[in-house]
Protein backbone atom coordinates (compact mmCIF):
# COMPACT_ATOMS: atom_id res chain seq x y z
CA MET A 1 58.42 -204.67 109.65
CA VAL A 2 58.82 -204.60 106.24
CA ARG A 3 58.25 -201.10 104.42
CA GLY A 4 54.68 -201.31 102.66
CA ASP A 5 53.33 -203.73 105.37
CA LEU A 6 50.33 -202.39 107.59
CA MET A 7 51.67 -202.07 110.88
CA THR A 8 48.77 -203.54 113.48
CA LEU A 9 48.24 -203.70 117.01
CA ASP A 10 49.40 -207.17 117.10
CA ASN A 11 52.44 -206.20 114.92
CA LEU A 12 53.30 -203.80 117.60
CA GLU A 13 52.27 -206.24 120.64
CA ALA A 14 54.88 -208.52 118.91
CA LEU A 15 57.68 -206.29 118.55
CA SER A 16 57.55 -204.95 122.09
CA LYS A 17 57.88 -208.48 123.18
CA VAL A 18 61.53 -208.60 120.98
CA GLY A 19 64.54 -208.43 123.85
CA PHE A 20 68.10 -206.80 123.04
CA ASN A 21 68.77 -210.73 122.43
CA GLU A 22 66.43 -211.28 119.54
CA VAL A 23 67.18 -207.55 117.63
CA ASP A 24 69.40 -206.91 114.48
CA LYS A 25 71.49 -204.13 116.61
CA ASP A 26 72.65 -202.55 112.72
CA LYS A 27 69.10 -202.14 111.66
CA ILE A 28 67.95 -200.20 114.76
CA ILE A 29 67.49 -196.69 114.16
CA ASP A 30 69.54 -193.60 115.33
CA ILE A 31 67.14 -191.41 117.15
CA ASN A 32 69.81 -188.38 115.81
CA ASN A 33 68.74 -189.74 112.14
CA VAL A 34 65.25 -188.89 112.57
CA PHE A 35 63.37 -186.21 111.37
CA ILE A 36 59.50 -185.82 112.06
CA ASN A 37 57.54 -183.34 110.79
CA GLN A 38 56.25 -181.44 113.23
CA GLU A 39 53.78 -179.79 111.34
CA LEU A 40 52.09 -183.26 110.52
CA SER A 41 49.09 -184.22 112.66
CA LYS A 42 49.92 -186.24 115.64
CA GLU A 43 48.10 -189.33 114.13
CA GLU A 44 50.93 -188.81 110.71
CA ARG A 45 53.51 -188.28 113.00
CA ILE A 46 53.28 -191.78 114.54
CA LEU A 47 52.51 -193.34 111.72
CA ASP A 48 55.53 -191.59 110.03
CA PHE A 49 58.16 -192.77 112.83
CA LEU A 50 56.26 -195.88 112.43
CA GLU A 51 57.24 -196.04 108.90
CA LYS A 52 60.90 -195.40 109.60
CA SER A 53 61.30 -197.89 112.15
CA GLU A 54 62.23 -202.01 112.18
CA ASN A 55 61.10 -201.95 115.30
CA PRO A 56 59.74 -198.49 116.91
CA TYR A 57 60.06 -200.09 120.56
CA PHE A 58 64.27 -199.86 120.25
CA LEU A 59 66.42 -196.93 119.21
CA LYS A 60 69.86 -195.92 119.33
CA CYS A 61 71.89 -192.83 120.10
CA GLY A 62 74.98 -192.78 119.49
CA ASP A 63 76.31 -195.79 120.63
CA VAL A 64 73.80 -196.50 123.06
CA PHE A 65 71.04 -198.85 122.38
CA VAL A 66 67.61 -198.58 124.33
CA LYS A 67 64.46 -200.57 124.31
CA ILE A 68 61.50 -198.58 125.55
CA SER A 69 58.37 -199.86 127.45
CA PHE A 70 55.38 -199.25 128.99
CA SER A 71 53.90 -200.11 132.54
CA ASN A 72 50.30 -200.44 132.92
CA THR A 73 50.25 -197.68 135.90
CA GLU A 74 48.89 -194.42 136.34
CA LEU A 75 52.23 -193.05 137.13
CA LYS A 76 54.08 -190.61 134.95
CA ILE A 77 57.39 -190.49 133.77
CA ASP A 78 58.48 -187.44 135.76
CA GLU A 79 57.20 -189.10 138.90
CA CYS A 80 59.00 -192.14 138.12
CA ILE A 81 62.47 -189.85 137.21
CA ARG A 82 61.96 -188.23 140.87
CA ARG A 83 61.58 -191.72 142.96
CA TYR A 84 64.37 -192.94 141.03
CA LEU A 85 66.38 -189.76 142.13
CA ASN A 86 65.12 -189.28 145.87
CA GLN A 87 66.19 -193.10 146.13
CA CYS A 88 69.40 -192.78 144.90
CA LEU A 89 70.25 -189.72 147.15
CA ASP A 90 68.78 -191.67 149.95
CA GLU A 91 71.57 -194.40 149.24
CA ARG A 92 74.28 -192.06 149.28
CA LEU A 93 73.12 -190.92 152.77
């Protein structure tokens, strides 16, 4: 997204479908270098982040690249992590 362009839901949906092999890794922002003003409203913080990111579904933390995705489920992330950790423990026994 070019700065100044209006981000639409269609833009966001298209960006969510981009794969690791399609993204320019040099344009992925490092989350360690992103400052979001916590005094802004929730909506303003979201817009601020969208303006700072070429594709908000991709981040890096140092040398680690991350693609963020969401599933259409009622499960919360803490429950998914709990299930994953329990599965890992079961496999070790």
